[in-house]
Amino acid sequence: MVEMSRAEFEEAVSDGLDLVPPELTAQMDNVVVLVEDEPPEDSGDPDLLGLYEGTPLTERDSWWAAGSLPDRITIFRGPTLRFCESREEVIEEVAVTVVHEIAHHFGIDDERLHELGWG
């Protein structure tokens, strides 16, 4: 397991967000990116690295905006640190996870992400 403080991990998440092209981040609508230590117990996957919760842009229509809470992208620190073998690998894996979860915000499913090499 890699040792990394919460602040260092949050910085890695921020760096991952910086890799997303500005034209895409400008299209992100009503979404927040969070860091949690562990996935929720009801996720069924203690090794989950990230989670998108919300309504993808491709599924939104006029009803969506009325009182909708922000979509949430959560990156999980514990599973990521246990999965990786070095700080460099953590930084790389966080970047991949951030891009993966943002893709879900844009309506891209896991199957397509795997085809594109972001699985």
C-alpha atoms as a PDB file:
ATOM      1  CA  MET A   1       0.000   0.000   0.000  1.00  0.00           C
ATOM      2  CA  VAL A   2       1.242   3.463  -0.906  1.00  0.00           C
ATOM      3  CA  GLU A   3       1.363   6.080   1.845  1.00  0.00           C
ATOM      4  CA  MET A   4      -0.067   9.432   0.791  1.00  0.00           C
ATOM      5  CA  SER A   5      -1.708  12.079   2.937  1.00  0.00           C
ATOM      6  CA  ARG A   6      -5.234  13.190   2.169  1.00  0.00           C
ATOM      7  CA  ALA A   7      -3.881  16.589   1.060  1.00  0.00           C
ATOM      8  CA  GLU A   8      -1.412  14.925  -1.341  1.00  0.00           C
ATOM      9  CA  PHE A   9      -4.168  12.693  -2.701  1.00  0.00           C
ATOM     10  CA  GLU A  10      -6.499  15.666  -3.196  1.00  0.00           C
ATOM     11  CA  GLU A  11      -3.685  17.407  -5.066  1.00  0.00           C
ATOM     12  CA  ALA A  12      -3.378  14.350  -7.331  1.00  0.00           C
ATOM     13  CA  VAL A  13      -7.127  14.581  -8.031  1.00  0.00           C
ATOM     14  CA  SER A  14      -6.741  18.271  -8.834  1.00  0.00           C
ATOM     15  CA  ASP A  15      -3.851  17.442 -11.165  1.00  0.00           C
ATOM     16  CA  GLY A  16      -6.060  14.813 -12.833  1.00  0.00           C
ATOM     17  CA  LEU A  17      -8.731  17.445 -13.411  1.00  0.00           C
ATOM     18  CA  ASP A  18      -6.111  19.712 -14.961  1.00  0.00           C
ATOM     19  CA  LEU A  19      -5.499  17.035 -17.629  1.00  0.00           C
ATOM     20  CA  VAL A  20      -9.065  17.347 -18.889  1.00  0.00           C
ATOM     21  CA  PRO A  21      -9.151  19.658 -21.912  1.00  0.00           C
ATOM     22  CA  PRO A  22     -10.673  23.076 -21.103  1.00  0.00           C
ATOM     23  CA  GLU A  23     -13.279  22.672 -23.838  1.00  0.00           C
ATOM     24  CA  LEU A  24     -14.617  19.638 -21.952  1.00  0.00           C
ATOM     25  CA  THR A  25     -14.523  21.178 -18.490  1.00  0.00           C
ATOM     26  CA  ALA A  26     -16.427  24.156 -19.913  1.00  0.00           C
ATOM     27  CA  GLN A  27     -19.177  21.701 -20.921  1.00  0.00           C
ATOM     28  CA  MET A  28     -19.422  20.114 -17.470  1.00  0.00           C
ATOM     29  CA  ASP A  29     -22.668  21.270 -15.940  1.00  0.00           C
ATOM     30  CA  ASN A  30     -23.607  21.195 -12.260  1.00  0.00           C
ATOM     31  CA  VAL A  31     -20.988  18.636 -11.179  1.00  0.00           C
ATOM     32  CA  VAL A  32     -18.752  18.479  -8.109  1.00  0.00           C
ATOM     33  CA  VAL A  33     -15.621  16.349  -7.641  1.00  0.00           C
ATOM     34  CA  LEU A  34     -15.046  14.952  -4.146  1.00  0.00           C
ATOM     35  CA  VAL A  35     -12.522  12.739  -2.359  1.00  0.00           C
ATOM     36  CA  GLU A  36     -13.687  10.117   0.128  1.00  0.00           C
ATOM     37  CA  ASP A  37     -11.569   7.594   1.987  1.00  0.00           C
ATOM     38  CA  GLU A  38     -13.665   4.520   1.144  1.00  0.00           C
ATOM     39  CA  PRO A  39     -16.579   3.637  -1.154  1.00  0.00           C
ATOM     40  CA  PRO A  40     -20.018   3.405   0.455  1.00  0.00           C
ATOM     41  CA  GLU A  41     -20.802  -0.030   1.870  1.00  0.00           C
ATOM     42  CA  ASP A  42     -23.842  -0.343  -0.393  1.00  0.00           C
ATOM     43  CA  SER A  43     -21.649   0.027  -3.502  1.00  0.00           C
ATOM     44  CA  GLY A  44     -20.879  -3.676  -3.275  1.00  0.00           C
ATOM     45  CA  ASP A  45     -17.280  -3.062  -4.330  1.00  0.00           C
ATOM     46  CA  PRO A  46     -14.684  -2.237  -1.649  1.00  0.00           C
ATOM     47  CA  ASP A  47     -12.101  -1.824  -4.436  1.00  0.00           C
ATOM     48  CA  LEU A  48     -14.064   0.887  -6.281  1.00  0.00           C
ATOM     49  CA  LEU A  49     -11.703   3.698  -7.315  1.00  0.00           C
ATOM     50  CA  GLY A  50     -14.291   6.232  -8.434  1.00  0.00           C
ATOM     51  CA  LEU A  51     -18.021   6.756  -8.744  1.00  0.00           C
ATOM     52  CA  TYR A  52     -20.237   9.007 -10.844  1.00  0.00           C
ATOM     53  CA  GLU A  53     -23.646   9.771  -9.382  1.00  0.00           C
ATOM     54  CA  GLY A  54     -26.037  11.932 -11.330  1.00  0.00           C
ATOM     55  CA  THR A  55     -27.796  12.393 -14.627  1.00  0.00           C
ATOM     56  CA  PRO A  56     -25.496  12.270 -17.662  1.00  0.00           C
ATOM     57  CA  LEU A  57     -25.696  15.259 -19.979  1.00  0.00           C
ATOM     58  CA  THR A  58     -27.073  12.987 -22.703  1.00  0.00           C
ATOM     59  CA  GLU A  59     -30.116  12.163 -20.552  1.00  0.00           C
ATOM     60  CA  ARG A  60     -31.012  15.658 -19.387  1.00  0.00           C
ATOM     61  CA  ASP A  61     -33.913  17.608 -20.780  1.00  0.00           C
ATOM     62  CA  SER A  62     -36.035  20.533 -19.620  1.00  0.00           C
ATOM     63  CA  TRP A  63     -37.271  18.803 -16.419  1.00  0.00           C
ATOM     64  CA  TRP A  64     -33.732  18.221 -15.179  1.00  0.00           C
ATOM     65  CA  ALA A  65     -32.699  21.749 -14.190  1.00  0.00           C
ATOM     66  CA  ALA A  66     -35.581  22.411 -11.811  1.00  0.00           C
ATOM     67  CA  GLY A  67     -34.043  21.981  -8.369  1.00  0.00           C
ATOM     68  CA  SER A  68     -31.515  19.336  -9.353  1.00  0.00           C
ATOM     69  CA  LEU A  69     -28.624  18.688  -6.992  1.00  0.00           C
ATOM     70  CA  PRO A  70     -25.140  18.683  -8.518  1.00  0.00           C
ATOM     71  CA  ASP A  71     -23.853  15.480 -10.048  1.00  0.00           C
ATOM     72  CA  ARG A  72     -21.099  13.941  -7.923  1.00  0.00           C
ATOM     73  CA  ILE A  73     -17.826  12.434  -8.974  1.00  0.00           C
ATOM     74  CA  THR A  74     -16.146  10.776  -6.007  1.00  0.00           C
ATOM     75  CA  ILE A  75     -12.588   9.474  -6.053  1.00  0.00           C
ATOM     76  CA  PHE A  76     -11.824   6.939  -3.324  1.00  0.00           C
ATOM     77  CA  ARG A  77      -8.465   7.294  -1.620  1.00  0.00           C
ATOM     78  CA  GLY A  78      -8.211   3.955   0.237  1.00  0.00           C
ATOM     79  CA  PRO A  79      -8.814   1.588  -2.688  1.00  0.00           C
ATOM     80  CA  THR A  80      -6.541   3.655  -4.930  1.00  0.00           C
ATOM     81  CA  LEU A  81      -3.665   3.588  -2.441  1.00  0.00           C
ATOM     82  CA  ARG A  82      -4.114  -0.173  -1.923  1.00  0.00           C
ATOM     83  CA  PHE A  83      -4.271  -0.813  -5.684  1.00  0.00           C
ATOM     84  CA  CYS A  84      -1.103   1.086  -6.581  1.00  0.00           C
ATOM     85  CA  GLU A  85       2.516   0.226  -5.840  1.00  0.00           C
ATOM     86  CA  SER A  86       4.107   3.682  -6.094  1.00  0.00           C
ATOM     87  CA  ARG A  87       3.264   7.371  -5.758  1.00  0.00           C
ATOM     88  CA  GLU A  88       3.714   7.750  -9.513  1.00  0.00           C
ATOM     89  CA  GLU A  89       1.220   4.955 -10.119  1.00  0.00           C
ATOM     90  CA  VAL A  90      -1.263   6.646  -7.740  1.00  0.00           C
ATOM     91  CA  ILE A  91      -0.985   9.894  -9.683  1.00  0.00           C
ATOM     92  CA  GLU A  92      -1.506   8.077 -12.987  1.00  0.00           C
ATOM     93  CA  GLU A  93      -4.412   5.973 -11.681  1.00  0.00           C
ATOM     94  CA  VAL A  94      -6.143   9.024 -10.181  1.00  0.00           C
ATOM     95  CA  ALA A  95      -5.892  10.817 -13.541  1.00  0.00           C
ATOM     96  CA  VAL A  96      -7.397   7.806 -15.351  1.00  0.00           C
ATOM     97  CA  THR A  97     -10.177   7.514 -12.763  1.00  0.00           C
ATOM     98  CA  VAL A  98     -11.020  11.225 -12.977  1.00  0.00           C
ATOM     99  CA  VAL A  99     -11.254  11.055 -16.782  1.00  0.00           C
ATOM    100  CA  HIS A 100     -13.295   7.831 -16.545  1.00  0.00           C
ATOM    101  CA  GLU A 101     -15.858   9.373 -14.184  1.00  0.00           C
ATOM    102  CA  ILE A 102     -16.082  12.617 -16.172  1.00  0.00           C
ATOM    103  CA  ALA A 103     -16.810  10.505 -19.247  1.00  0.00           C
ATOM    104  CA  HIS A 104     -19.830   9.068 -17.419  1.00  0.00           C
ATOM    105  CA  HIS A 105     -21.034  12.668 -16.899  1.00  0.00           C
ATOM    106  CA  PHE A 106     -20.936  13.009 -20.696  1.00  0.00           C
ATOM    107  CA  GLY A 107     -22.939   9.791 -21.124  1.00  0.00           C
ATOM    108  CA  ILE A 108     -20.110   7.429 -22.092  1.00  0.00           C
ATOM    109  CA  ASP A 109     -20.629   3.958 -20.606  1.00  0.00           C
ATOM    110  CA  ASP A 110     -18.046   1.515 -19.233  1.00  0.00           C
ATOM    111  CA  GLU A 111     -18.048  -0.644 -22.358  1.00  0.00           C
ATOM    112  CA  ARG A 112     -17.118   2.305 -24.587  1.00  0.00           C
ATOM    113  CA  LEU A 113     -14.528   3.539 -22.070  1.00  0.00           C
ATOM    114  CA  HIS A 114     -12.850   0.115 -22.141  1.00  0.00           C
ATOM    115  CA  GLU A 115     -12.800   0.242 -25.955  1.00  0.00           C
ATOM    116  CA  LEU A 116     -11.116   3.664 -25.750  1.00  0.00           C
ATOM    117  CA  GLY A 117      -8.524   2.443 -23.217  1.00  0.00           C
ATOM    118  CA  TRP A 118      -9.994   4.299 -20.215  1.00  0.00           C
ATOM    119  CA  GLY A 119     -11.551   1.258 -18.551  1.00  0.00           C
END
